[in-house]
Amino acid sequence: MGDVVNLDLHHGHQAAEGPVERRRRSGGRGSERHRAAPTGSRYLNLRNTMASSRVLSDDAVEAIHEASLTILEEIGMDIILPEARERMKAAGADVTPGTDRVRFDRGLIMEMVAQAPSGFTMHARNPMRNVEIGGNNLVFAQIASAPFVADREGGRRTGNQEDFRKLVKLAQCYDIVHTTGGYPVEPVDLHASVRHLDCLSDLVKLTDKVFHVYSLGRQRNLDGIEIARIGRGISMEQMEREPSLFTIINTSSPLRLDGPMLQGIIEMSSRNQVVVVTPFTLAGAMAPVTVAGALTQQNAEALAGIAFTQMVRKGAPVMYGGFTSNVDMKSGAPAFGTPEYMKAVIAGGQLARRYNIPYRTSNTNASNTLDAQAAYESALSLWALTQGGGNFIMHSAGWSEGGLTASFEKFILDVDMLQMVAEFLAPLDTSPDALGLDAVRDVGPGGHFFGTPHTLARYETAFYSPILSDWRNFETWSEAGRPTTYDHANRVFKEKLNSYERPAIDPAVEEELDAFVARRKAEGGVPTDF
């Protein structure tokens, strides 16, 4: 029993080897582990065919629904934009004269919410990169809006254009990252008056995926819409038929919608572009300390924003965003990937399905580095959002330090985890060929399957090949310098950047884009305070 058989699967012959310990010391399992990862084309157009989990009974969902409508009827929201208040009043809302306060009859809210589509397509510059939103579709977006960026050599540093471009290129390199999510890091070395022009132009040129525009004033929205239109090489009429750009609208919890967010809804929804209404409700800070109370406030704020999109344009594409978590009651710092976050994510999915609206949620963690905490908090987030029926997943790759830092190494770890999620969600093949009865007949009792035709035909693609897992034995791993996951992720992101290829773009489109950006810069971009 001391001898083992080592199979050369590439050539299908058997070669006797010595004792197990000698085989292990010579390299053993995974000595050639770091081969190229799968191409990833199968990670486009993901569907989650698993039954969605529930943390709320039907009665509990209705209790939250009714309580949130009571908030909107009795307390209302502060709507900090006169034009928005006028539109709401025209639709039937109760606007208190001389104040920002608006109250909404529950019948009005439900009438408006019922107009929102249950699904839609977001159109990319490359039609292969179009993404379906709603139903059981699952779309992953890159980290967005981090003020800092980090890698092992450079440490944590303020966002800049060079790192912004590197992160955008990494998003293009992996099919599992279906869209960019915004600026992966804020490039503060670009002046705020023209930053959006440079960044959105880069998103068109360096990727061929759907991208995001920030709602930070009307002109930024208009510039983003025009850049997306030019990038696709289409007319504005076609753009209105084919949503091609999205914006995240965050409420100012508790119970406020500020001017730039409301203006963003008006500009985007009126042109049939995608609005993702997302309250940021931290239990114990900007929302009641109970998860149920925070969810009720989240639901009220989300419904108000969704209803307003339909007051602007009935049928405009919109998503129900959930971002409820808790805080560390000792320090007040946000906590993510917690049991409370998991419950809120799954409950948010139940609420979104109650209104038949696509559901946005996030892959989160609060770790300050690439460590076990970063992995397990993200794993719990991914568990909750897949089980909870998330459709559009923000911050899927690169999120670190509670969203304050975009990490190059964490991006690679997340890509690996996202691909594992996709592999797990792939339906199990139970065809006659997959059942392998002929292989079992050939081997019979007491044999092995390494050299069977059934195995040899599949061994290269039979199982997921992780990007970062190191399966070498202890001796070989030690001889290699005991590299960690951090080491592997650092190496991989550099290799990916070195192999990056800019996606093809029509020269006429690029010329038109450059001319538009140059003209808008010459006009001064947008006003700023500095």
Protein backbone atom coordinates (compact mmCIF):
# COMPACT_ATOMS: atom_id res chain seq x y z
CA MET A 1 0.00 0.00 0.00
CA GLY A 2 3.06 2.30 0.17
CA ASP A 3 3.27 2.83 -3.59
CA VAL A 4 1.07 5.16 -5.61
CA VAL A 5 0.36 5.51 -9.30
CA ASN A 6 1.03 8.89 -10.89
CA LEU A 7 -0.78 9.45 -14.19
CA ASP A 8 0.49 11.60 -17.02
CA LEU A 9 -2.92 12.85 -18.12
CA HIS A 10 -1.52 14.65 -21.14
CA HIS A 11 -0.35 11.40 -22.70
CA GLY A 12 -2.63 8.88 -21.06
CA HIS A 13 0.05 6.48 -19.79
CA GLN A 14 0.85 5.32 -16.29
CA ALA A 15 4.22 5.83 -14.61
CA ALA A 16 5.08 4.08 -11.35
CA GLU A 17 6.45 6.32 -8.61
CA GLY A 18 7.98 5.72 -5.23
CA PRO A 19 6.45 6.19 -1.80
CA VAL A 20 3.94 8.90 -1.14
CA GLU A 21 6.39 11.05 0.83
CA ARG A 22 8.96 11.03 -1.98
CA ARG A 23 6.29 12.03 -4.49
CA ARG A 24 5.18 14.91 -2.27
CA ARG A 25 8.71 16.25 -1.84
CA SER A 26 9.26 16.24 -5.61
CA GLY A 27 6.45 18.71 -6.16
CA GLY A 28 3.20 16.86 -5.61
CA ARG A 29 -0.20 18.34 -6.06
CA GLY A 30 -0.39 21.69 -7.73
CA SER A 31 3.30 22.10 -8.56
CA GLU A 32 2.15 23.60 -11.86
CA ARG A 33 -0.86 25.34 -10.32
CA HIS A 34 -0.21 28.82 -11.60
CA ARG A 35 -1.27 28.28 -15.17
CA ALA A 36 -3.52 30.74 -16.90
CA ALA A 37 -7.04 31.05 -15.55
CA PRO A 38 -9.98 30.20 -17.82
CA THR A 39 -10.75 32.74 -20.52
CA GLY A 40 -13.98 33.58 -18.74
CA SER A 41 -16.29 33.98 -21.73
CA ARG A 42 -18.73 31.67 -19.99
CA TYR A 43 -19.10 34.32 -17.29
CA LEU A 44 -21.15 36.61 -19.51
CA ASN A 45 -24.93 36.72 -19.05
CA LEU A 46 -25.03 34.95 -15.69
CA ARG A 47 -28.29 33.61 -14.32
CA ASN A 48 -28.99 32.62 -10.75
CA THR A 49 -31.25 29.60 -11.01
CA MET A 50 -31.19 28.89 -7.27
CA ALA A 51 -34.39 29.46 -5.32
CA SER A 52 -34.11 32.73 -3.38
CA SER A 53 -33.80 32.48 0.40
CA ARG A 54 -36.16 34.19 2.82
CA VAL A 55 -35.55 35.74 6.21
CA LEU A 56 -39.00 37.33 6.35
CA SER A 57 -42.38 35.65 6.31
CA ASP A 58 -45.00 37.02 3.94
CA ASP A 59 -46.64 38.75 6.90
CA ALA A 60 -43.33 40.33 7.91
CA VAL A 61 -42.76 41.64 4.37
CA GLU A 62 -46.22 43.21 4.47
CA ALA A 63 -45.57 44.70 7.92
CA ILE A 64 -42.42 46.45 6.63
CA HIS A 65 -44.26 47.53 3.47
CA GLU A 66 -47.15 49.07 5.40
CA ALA A 67 -44.88 50.73 7.97
CA SER A 68 -42.77 52.31 5.22
CA LEU A 69 -45.88 53.69 3.51
CA THR A 70 -46.97 55.13 6.85
CA ILE A 71 -43.61 56.92 7.11
CA LEU A 72 -44.13 58.48 3.68
CA GLU A 73 -47.73 59.47 4.48
CA GLU A 74 -47.29 60.81 8.00
CA ILE A 75 -43.65 61.98 8.22
CA GLY A 76 -42.70 62.40 4.58
CA MET A 77 -39.36 63.22 2.97
CA ASP A 78 -37.41 66.43 2.66
CA ILE A 79 -37.11 67.06 -1.09
CA ILE A 80 -34.38 69.65 -1.52
CA LEU A 81 -35.05 70.80 -5.08
CA PRO A 82 -37.94 73.11 -6.01
CA GLU A 83 -38.37 71.56 -9.47
CA ALA A 84 -38.73 68.11 -7.92
CA ARG A 85 -41.29 69.34 -5.41
CA GLU A 86 -43.28 70.92 -8.23
CA ARG A 87 -43.27 67.65 -10.20
CA MET A 88 -44.34 65.71 -7.11
CA LYS A 89 -47.14 68.18 -6.38
CA ALA A 90 -48.36 67.90 -9.96
CA ALA A 91 -48.46 64.11 -9.54
CA GLY A 92 -50.60 64.38 -6.39
CA ALA A 93 -48.11 64.56 -3.51
CA ASP A 94 -48.73 66.84 -0.51
CA VAL A 95 -46.08 69.61 -0.54
CA THR A 96 -45.96 71.72 2.63
CA PRO A 97 -45.72 75.38 1.52
CA GLY A 98 -42.55 77.19 2.50
CA THR A 99 -40.68 73.98 3.40
CA ASP A 100 -38.89 71.06 1.73
CA ARG A 101 -41.28 68.52 3.26
CA VAL A 102 -43.33 66.32 0.93
CA ARG A 103 -45.78 63.64 2.02
CA PHE A 104 -47.01 60.88 -0.24
CA ASP A 105 -50.34 59.09 -0.18
CA ARG A 106 -49.72 55.35 -0.18
CA GLY A 107 -51.98 54.92 -3.16
CA LEU A 108 -49.92 57.42 -5.14
CA ILE A 109 -46.67 55.64 -4.24
CA MET A 110 -47.98 52.25 -5.30
CA GLU A 111 -49.52 53.66 -8.50
CA MET A 112 -46.15 55.11 -9.50
CA VAL A 113 -44.07 52.08 -8.44
CA ALA A 114 -46.33 49.83 -10.52
CA GLN A 115 -45.18 51.73 -13.63
CA ALA A 116 -41.53 50.68 -13.18
CA PRO A 117 -40.34 47.90 -15.51
CA SER A 118 -39.54 44.50 -14.05
CA GLY A 119 -36.51 44.13 -16.30
CA PHE A 120 -34.53 45.85 -19.02
CA THR A 121 -31.26 45.73 -20.96
CA MET A 122 -28.32 48.06 -20.40
CA HIS A 123 -26.55 48.52 -23.74
CA ALA A 124 -22.77 48.61 -23.99
CA ARG A 125 -20.43 49.91 -26.69
CA ASN A 126 -19.75 46.26 -27.49
CA PRO A 127 -23.11 44.45 -27.86
CA MET A 128 -21.53 41.30 -26.40
CA ARG A 129 -21.23 43.30 -23.17
CA ASN A 130 -24.92 44.21 -22.94
CA VAL A 131 -26.31 43.22 -19.55
CA GLU A 132 -29.80 42.03 -18.71
CA ILE A 133 -31.20 43.46 -15.49
CA GLY A 134 -34.00 41.82 -13.49
CA GLY A 135 -35.49 38.36 -13.21
CA ASN A 136 -32.79 35.88 -12.28
CA ASN A 137 -30.00 37.78 -14.07
CA LEU A 138 -26.83 38.44 -12.07
CA VAL A 139 -24.54 41.33 -13.01
CA PHE A 140 -21.29 42.23 -11.21
CA ALA A 141 -19.92 45.80 -11.23
CA GLN A 142 -16.45 46.98 -10.17
CA ILE A 143 -15.80 48.98 -6.99
CA ALA A 144 -16.77 52.64 -7.26
CA SER A 145 -16.00 55.96 -5.60
CA ALA A 146 -13.12 55.07 -3.31
CA PRO A 147 -11.07 58.14 -2.28
CA PHE A 148 -7.94 56.03 -1.74
CA VAL A 149 -6.15 53.30 -3.67
CA ALA A 150 -3.66 50.71 -2.44
CA ASP A 151 -1.28 48.01 -3.48
CA ARG A 152 1.52 46.37 -1.51
CA GLU A 153 4.40 48.38 -2.95
CA GLY A 154 2.76 51.80 -3.02
CA GLY A 155 0.68 51.44 0.12
CA ARG A 156 -2.50 53.44 0.70
CA ARG A 157 -2.52 56.69 -1.25
CA THR A 158 -4.87 59.34 -2.56
CA GLY A 159 -6.66 58.51 -5.80
CA ASN A 160 -5.00 59.62 -9.02
CA GLN A 161 -5.45 59.26 -12.76
CA GLU A 162 -2.75 56.64 -13.25
CA ASP A 163 -4.28 54.25 -10.73
CA PHE A 164 -7.78 55.07 -11.98
CA ARG A 165 -6.75 53.93 -15.45
CA LYS A 166 -5.06 50.79 -14.16
CA LEU A 167 -8.18 49.74 -12.28
CA VAL A 168 -10.38 50.43 -15.32
CA LYS A 169 -8.05 48.28 -17.42
CA LEU A 170 -8.32 45.45 -14.90
CA ALA A 171 -12.11 45.65 -15.14
CA GLN A 172 -11.82 45.15 -18.89
CA CYS A 173 -9.55 42.12 -18.43
CA TYR A 174 -12.13 39.93 -16.68
CA ASP A 175 -15.50 38.95 -18.13
CA ILE A 176 -16.88 38.27 -14.65
CA VAL A 177 -16.76 42.06 -14.09
CA HIS A 178 -19.71 42.89 -16.30
CA THR A 179 -19.73 46.67 -15.86
CA THR A 180 -17.63 49.37 -14.31
CA GLY A 181 -19.42 50.88 -11.34
CA GLY A 182 -18.25 54.48 -11.39
CA TYR A 183 -14.74 55.77 -10.89
CA PRO A 184 -13.03 52.83 -9.14
CA VAL A 185 -10.95 55.47 -7.38
CA GLU A 186 -11.45 59.23 -7.43
CA PRO A 187 -8.56 60.78 -9.43
CA VAL A 188 -8.15 63.97 -7.42
CA ASP A 189 -5.16 65.07 -9.50
CA LEU A 190 -7.70 65.98 -12.19
CA HIS A 191 -9.53 69.25 -11.53
CA ALA A 192 -13.11 68.67 -10.45
CA SER A 193 -14.46 70.95 -13.20
CA VAL A 194 -13.26 68.59 -15.96
CA ARG A 195 -12.61 65.33 -14.10
CA HIS A 196 -15.81 63.74 -15.34
CA LEU A 197 -14.86 64.45 -18.96
CA ASP A 198 -11.49 62.71 -18.68
CA CYS A 199 -12.83 59.81 -16.64
CA LEU A 200 -15.89 59.07 -18.79
CA SER A 201 -13.78 59.36 -21.94
CA ASP A 202 -11.37 56.81 -20.47
CA LEU A 203 -14.26 54.48 -19.64
CA VAL A 204 -15.32 54.55 -23.29
CA LYS A 205 -11.81 54.03 -24.66
CA LEU A 206 -10.29 51.62 -22.14
CA THR A 207 -13.37 49.37 -21.81
CA ASP A 208 -16.28 48.36 -23.99
CA LYS A 209 -18.66 47.80 -21.08
CA VAL A 210 -21.62 49.67 -19.60
CA PHE A 211 -20.53 52.48 -17.31
CA HIS A 212 -21.89 54.96 -14.76
CA VAL A 213 -22.29 58.73 -14.52
CA TYR A 214 -22.34 60.55 -11.18
CA SER A 215 -25.33 62.74 -10.40
CA LEU A 216 -23.42 65.75 -9.13
CA GLY A 217 -25.22 68.48 -11.04
CA ARG A 218 -27.23 68.68 -14.24
CA GLN A 219 -24.33 69.37 -16.59
CA ARG A 220 -22.35 66.32 -15.48
CA ASN A 221 -25.39 64.19 -16.25
CA LEU A 222 -25.79 65.78 -19.68
CA ASP A 223 -22.10 65.36 -20.48
CA GLY A 224 -22.23 61.71 -19.40
CA ILE A 225 -25.27 61.00 -21.54
CA GLU A 226 -23.60 62.57 -24.57
CA ILE A 227 -20.34 60.68 -24.01
CA ALA A 228 -22.25 57.38 -23.76
CA ARG A 229 -24.16 58.23 -26.95
CA ILE A 230 -20.98 59.08 -28.85
CA GLY A 231 -19.27 55.95 -27.53
CA ARG A 232 -22.00 53.75 -28.93
CA GLY A 233 -22.12 55.68 -32.20
CA ILE A 234 -25.90 56.09 -32.09
CA SER A 235 -28.51 58.84 -32.25
CA MET A 236 -30.14 60.29 -29.14
CA GLU A 237 -33.42 58.76 -30.30
CA GLN A 238 -31.84 55.29 -30.30
CA MET A 239 -30.21 56.01 -26.94
CA GLU A 240 -33.61 56.76 -25.45
CA ARG A 241 -34.91 53.45 -26.75
CA GLU A 242 -31.82 51.60 -25.49
CA PRO A 243 -30.69 52.56 -21.96
CA SER A 244 -26.89 52.84 -22.10
CA LEU A 245 -25.85 54.57 -18.87
CA PHE A 246 -26.70 54.28 -15.18
CA THR A 247 -26.47 56.50 -12.13
CA ILE A 248 -26.61 55.71 -8.43
CA ILE A 249 -29.03 57.92 -6.48
CA ASN A 250 -28.30 57.82 -2.75
CA THR A 251 -30.81 59.21 -0.30
CA SER A 252 -29.41 61.37 2.49
CA SER A 253 -30.70 59.19 5.27
CA PRO A 254 -32.78 59.71 7.23
CA LEU A 255 -35.58 60.73 4.89
CA ARG A 256 -33.95 63.29 2.59
CA LEU A 257 -33.22 63.55 -1.12
CA ASP A 258 -30.80 66.33 -1.98
CA GLY A 259 -30.70 68.57 -5.03
CA PRO A 260 -28.01 66.86 -7.15
CA MET A 261 -29.60 63.44 -6.63
CA LEU A 262 -33.05 64.72 -7.58
CA GLN A 263 -31.63 66.54 -10.60
CA GLY A 264 -29.92 63.29 -11.60
CA ILE A 265 -33.25 61.46 -11.53
CA ILE A 266 -34.84 64.17 -13.68
CA GLU A 267 -32.07 64.19 -16.29
CA MET A 268 -31.61 60.42 -16.46
CA SER A 269 -35.20 59.20 -16.17
CA SER A 270 -36.49 61.79 -18.62
CA ARG A 271 -34.11 60.28 -21.21
CA ASN A 272 -34.91 56.67 -20.28
CA GLN A 273 -31.51 56.02 -18.73
CA VAL A 274 -31.07 53.80 -15.67
CA VAL A 275 -31.49 55.09 -12.12
CA VAL A 276 -30.48 52.96 -9.12
CA VAL A 277 -32.17 54.34 -5.99
CA THR A 278 -30.09 53.31 -2.98
CA PRO A 279 -30.65 54.46 0.60
CA PHE A 280 -27.56 54.15 2.82
CA THR A 281 -29.16 53.14 6.09
CA LEU A 282 -26.76 52.15 8.86
CA ALA A 283 -28.69 50.70 11.78
CA GLY A 284 -27.93 52.68 14.90
CA ALA A 285 -26.60 55.72 13.03
CA MET A 286 -28.79 57.02 10.17
CA ALA A 287 -31.60 54.52 10.81
CA PRO A 288 -33.21 52.77 13.78
CA VAL A 289 -30.88 50.40 15.61
CA THR A 290 -33.01 47.35 14.82
CA VAL A 291 -32.56 45.65 11.46
CA ALA A 292 -36.33 45.69 10.93
CA GLY A 293 -36.48 49.42 11.64
CA ALA A 294 -33.57 50.14 9.31
CA LEU A 295 -35.20 48.05 6.58
CA THR A 296 -38.46 49.95 7.01
CA GLN A 297 -36.67 53.26 6.56
CA GLN A 298 -34.69 51.86 3.61
CA ASN A 299 -37.93 50.77 1.99
CA ALA A 300 -39.63 54.12 2.52
CA GLU A 301 -36.73 56.06 1.01
CA ALA A 302 -36.35 53.63 -1.89
CA LEU A 303 -40.06 53.75 -2.72
CA ALA A 304 -40.06 57.55 -2.70
CA GLY A 305 -37.12 57.69 -5.12
CA ILE A 306 -38.53 54.98 -7.38
CA ALA A 307 -41.92 56.70 -7.46
CA PHE A 308 -40.26 59.96 -8.47
CA THR A 309 -38.55 58.31 -11.46
CA GLN A 310 -41.99 57.32 -12.71
CA MET A 311 -43.38 60.82 -12.09
CA VAL A 312 -40.62 62.04 -14.40
CA ARG A 313 -41.24 59.38 -17.05
CA LYS A 314 -43.51 56.39 -16.73
CA GLY A 315 -41.70 53.18 -17.56
CA ALA A 316 -38.22 54.64 -16.98
CA PRO A 317 -35.75 51.90 -15.95
CA VAL A 318 -35.02 51.87 -12.24
CA MET A 319 -33.60 49.53 -9.62
CA TYR A 320 -34.42 49.05 -5.95
CA GLY A 321 -31.15 49.52 -4.08
CA GLY A 322 -30.46 48.14 -0.63
CA PHE A 323 -27.49 49.16 1.49
CA THR A 324 -28.53 48.50 5.06
CA SER A 325 -25.89 47.38 7.52
CA ASN A 326 -24.97 48.09 11.12
CA VAL A 327 -22.31 50.13 12.86
CA ASP A 328 -19.78 49.21 15.50
CA MET A 329 -21.56 50.57 18.57
CA LYS A 330 -18.19 51.15 20.27
CA SER A 331 -16.74 53.42 17.57
CA GLY A 332 -19.59 54.26 15.20
CA ALA A 333 -17.62 52.81 12.27
CA PRO A 334 -19.66 51.03 9.56
CA ALA A 335 -19.53 47.24 9.69
CA PHE A 336 -19.98 45.03 6.63
CA GLY A 337 -20.26 41.34 5.90
CA THR A 338 -21.99 40.90 9.25
CA PRO A 339 -24.93 38.62 10.08
CA GLU A 340 -27.07 41.75 10.22
CA TYR A 341 -25.91 42.79 6.74
CA MET A 342 -26.70 39.32 5.43
CA LYS A 343 -30.23 39.45 6.84
CA ALA A 344 -30.77 42.93 5.41
CA VAL A 345 -29.54 41.87 1.97
CA ILE A 346 -31.85 38.88 1.80
CA ALA A 347 -34.79 40.86 3.19
CA GLY A 348 -34.10 43.62 0.65
CA GLY A 349 -34.41 41.06 -2.10
CA GLN A 350 -37.78 39.98 -0.76
CA LEU A 351 -38.99 43.57 -0.74
CA ALA A 352 -37.71 44.26 -4.27
CA ARG A 353 -39.51 41.16 -5.54
CA ARG A 354 -42.67 42.30 -3.76
CA TYR A 355 -42.61 45.36 -6.04
CA ASN A 356 -41.34 43.39 -9.07
CA ILE A 357 -38.35 45.73 -9.50
CA PRO A 358 -34.71 44.68 -10.15
CA TYR A 359 -32.59 44.56 -7.01
CA ARG A 360 -29.20 46.21 -6.48
CA THR A 361 -26.96 45.21 -3.56
CA SER A 362 -23.19 45.12 -2.84
CA ASN A 363 -20.16 42.94 -2.09
CA THR A 364 -18.68 44.48 1.06
CA ASN A 365 -16.09 44.13 3.78
CA ALA A 366 -14.51 46.43 6.36
CA SER A 367 -10.98 45.03 6.39
CA ASN A 368 -8.02 47.41 6.08
CA THR A 369 -5.83 44.92 4.22
CA LEU A 370 -5.94 41.69 2.26
CA ASP A 371 -6.44 39.24 5.10
CA ALA A 372 -8.85 36.63 6.38
CA GLN A 373 -11.36 39.32 7.39
CA ALA A 374 -11.41 40.69 3.84
CA ALA A 375 -12.13 37.22 2.50
CA TYR A 376 -14.73 36.01 4.98
CA GLU A 377 -16.72 39.25 5.09
CA SER A 378 -16.84 39.30 1.29
CA ALA A 379 -17.73 35.61 1.20
CA LEU A 380 -20.65 36.22 3.58
CA SER A 381 -21.76 39.20 1.48
CA LEU A 382 -21.66 37.13 -1.69
CA TRP A 383 -23.52 34.31 0.02
CA ALA A 384 -26.30 36.68 1.08
CA LEU A 385 -26.65 38.52 -2.22
CA THR A 386 -26.79 35.36 -4.32
CA GLN A 387 -29.19 33.66 -1.92
CA GLY A 388 -31.18 36.88 -1.70
CA GLY A 389 -31.68 37.20 -5.45
CA GLY A 390 -29.49 40.24 -6.14
CA ASN A 391 -29.56 41.35 -9.78
CA PHE A 392 -26.99 44.14 -9.92
CA ILE A 393 -24.03 43.91 -7.56
CA MET A 394 -22.08 47.08 -6.94
CA HIS A 395 -18.53 47.08 -5.53
CA SER A 396 -18.10 43.47 -6.60
CA ALA A 397 -14.33 43.67 -7.09
CA GLY A 398 -11.73 45.75 -5.27
CA TRP A 399 -13.65 47.07 -2.25
CA SER A 400 -11.51 47.43 0.89
CA GLU A 401 -11.61 49.44 4.15
CA GLY A 402 -15.39 49.77 4.09
CA GLY A 403 -15.27 51.28 0.61
CA LEU A 404 -12.65 53.92 1.36
CA THR A 405 -9.90 52.11 -0.55
CA ALA A 406 -9.75 50.43 -3.95
CA SER A 407 -7.24 47.61 -3.56
CA PHE A 408 -5.49 46.07 -6.56
CA GLU A 409 -4.87 42.81 -4.70
CA LYS A 410 -8.42 42.69 -3.35
CA PHE A 411 -9.68 43.14 -6.92
CA ILE A 412 -7.99 39.89 -7.92
CA LEU A 413 -9.23 38.05 -4.82
CA ASP A 414 -12.76 39.23 -5.58
CA VAL A 415 -12.55 38.20 -9.24
CA ASP A 416 -11.55 34.72 -8.10
CA MET A 417 -14.47 34.59 -5.66
CA LEU A 418 -16.94 35.93 -8.24
CA GLN A 419 -15.87 33.26 -10.71
CA MET A 420 -16.32 30.63 -8.00
CA VAL A 421 -19.83 31.95 -7.36
CA ALA A 422 -20.58 31.75 -11.08
CA GLU A 423 -19.29 28.17 -11.23
CA PHE A 424 -21.38 27.23 -8.20
CA LEU A 425 -24.50 28.72 -9.77
CA ALA A 426 -23.99 26.92 -13.08
CA PRO A 427 -26.63 24.19 -13.44
CA LEU A 428 -25.32 20.70 -12.73
CA ASP A 429 -25.04 18.62 -15.89
CA THR A 430 -26.95 15.35 -15.46
CA SER A 431 -26.98 14.30 -19.10
CA PRO A 432 -26.37 10.59 -19.84
CA ASP A 433 -22.81 11.44 -20.84
CA ALA A 434 -22.19 13.34 -17.60
CA LEU A 435 -23.55 10.48 -15.50
CA GLY A 436 -20.62 8.44 -16.76
CA LEU A 437 -22.12 4.96 -16.73
CA ASP A 438 -19.79 3.77 -19.48
CA ALA A 439 -16.78 4.93 -17.47
CA VAL A 440 -18.06 3.08 -14.40
CA ARG A 441 -18.53 -0.06 -16.50
CA ASP A 442 -14.99 0.23 -17.89
CA VAL A 443 -13.37 0.67 -14.46
CA GLY A 444 -15.52 -1.62 -12.38
CA PRO A 445 -14.93 -2.27 -8.68
CA GLY A 446 -11.55 -1.31 -7.21
CA GLY A 447 -10.13 0.59 -10.19
CA HIS A 448 -9.48 4.27 -10.82
CA PHE A 449 -10.74 6.81 -13.32
CA PHE A 450 -7.56 8.82 -14.08
CA GLY A 451 -6.87 7.24 -17.45
CA THR A 452 -10.38 6.55 -18.74
CA PRO A 453 -11.49 8.20 -22.01
CA HIS A 454 -14.25 9.90 -19.99
CA THR A 455 -11.65 11.61 -17.79
CA LEU A 456 -9.12 12.33 -20.53
CA ALA A 457 -11.75 14.11 -22.60
CA ARG A 458 -12.59 16.46 -19.72
CA TYR A 459 -9.66 16.84 -17.35
CA GLU A 460 -8.64 20.31 -18.54
CA THR A 461 -12.09 21.82 -17.98
CA ALA A 462 -13.70 19.47 -15.47
CA PHE A 463 -13.15 21.70 -12.44
CA TYR A 464 -12.72 25.39 -11.73
CA SER A 465 -9.07 26.47 -11.76
CA PRO A 466 -8.62 29.11 -9.04
CA ILE A 467 -6.53 32.18 -9.70
CA LEU A 468 -5.00 32.40 -6.24
CA SER A 469 -5.31 29.10 -4.38
CA ASP A 470 -1.90 27.49 -3.87
CA TRP A 471 -2.27 23.70 -3.87
CA ARG A 472 1.40 22.78 -3.67
CA ASN A 473 2.49 20.55 -0.82
CA PHE A 474 4.10 22.12 2.23
CA GLU A 475 7.66 21.27 1.21
CA THR A 476 7.39 22.72 -2.29
CA TRP A 477 5.53 25.78 -1.01
CA SER A 478 8.25 26.33 1.60
CA GLU A 479 11.01 26.01 -0.99
CA ALA A 480 9.21 28.66 -3.06
CA GLY A 481 9.44 31.13 -0.18
CA ARG A 482 6.06 30.44 1.46
CA PRO A 483 4.08 32.85 -0.76
CA THR A 484 0.76 34.09 0.61
CA THR A 485 -2.49 34.94 -1.13
CA TYR A 486 -1.38 38.57 -0.93
CA ASP A 487 1.79 37.65 -2.84
CA HIS A 488 -0.13 35.80 -5.54
CA ALA A 489 -2.70 38.59 -5.94
CA ASN A 490 0.07 41.18 -6.24
CA ARG A 491 1.75 39.14 -8.96
CA VAL A 492 -1.47 38.44 -10.87
CA PHE A 493 -2.71 42.02 -11.08
CA LYS A 494 0.63 43.12 -12.53
CA GLU A 495 0.60 40.28 -15.04
CA LYS A 496 -2.93 41.23 -16.10
CA LEU A 497 -2.01 44.86 -16.59
CA ASN A 498 0.98 43.82 -18.69
CA SER A 499 -1.25 41.72 -20.94
CA TYR A 500 -4.08 44.29 -21.18
CA GLU A 501 -5.28 45.05 -24.71
CA ARG A 502 -7.39 48.10 -25.39
CA PRO A 503 -10.71 47.11 -27.00
CA ALA A 504 -11.24 48.16 -30.58
CA ILE A 505 -13.07 51.42 -31.19
CA ASP A 506 -14.20 53.05 -34.42
CA PRO A 507 -11.69 55.84 -35.22
CA ALA A 508 -14.56 58.15 -36.16
CA VAL A 509 -16.17 57.56 -32.75
CA GLU A 510 -12.91 58.26 -30.95
CA GLU A 511 -12.40 61.44 -32.98
CA GLU A 512 -15.90 62.66 -32.16
CA LEU A 513 -15.41 61.81 -28.49
CA ASP A 514 -12.09 63.66 -28.29
CA ALA A 515 -13.60 66.69 -30.00
CA PHE A 516 -16.53 66.77 -27.56
CA VAL A 517 -14.25 66.50 -24.52
CA ALA A 518 -11.92 69.19 -25.86
CA ARG A 519 -14.83 71.54 -26.51
CA ARG A 520 -16.36 71.01 -23.09
CA LYS A 521 -12.97 71.59 -21.43
CA ALA A 522 -12.54 74.80 -23.41
CA GLU A 523 -15.94 75.88 -22.10
CA GLY A 524 -14.68 75.31 -18.56
CA GLY A 525 -16.40 72.03 -17.79
CA VAL A 526 -18.69 72.54 -14.79
CA PRO A 527 -18.59 75.19 -12.06
CA THR A 528 -16.85 74.21 -8.82
CA ASP A 529 -16.14 75.84 -5.48
CA PHE A 530 -12.37 75.90 -6.10
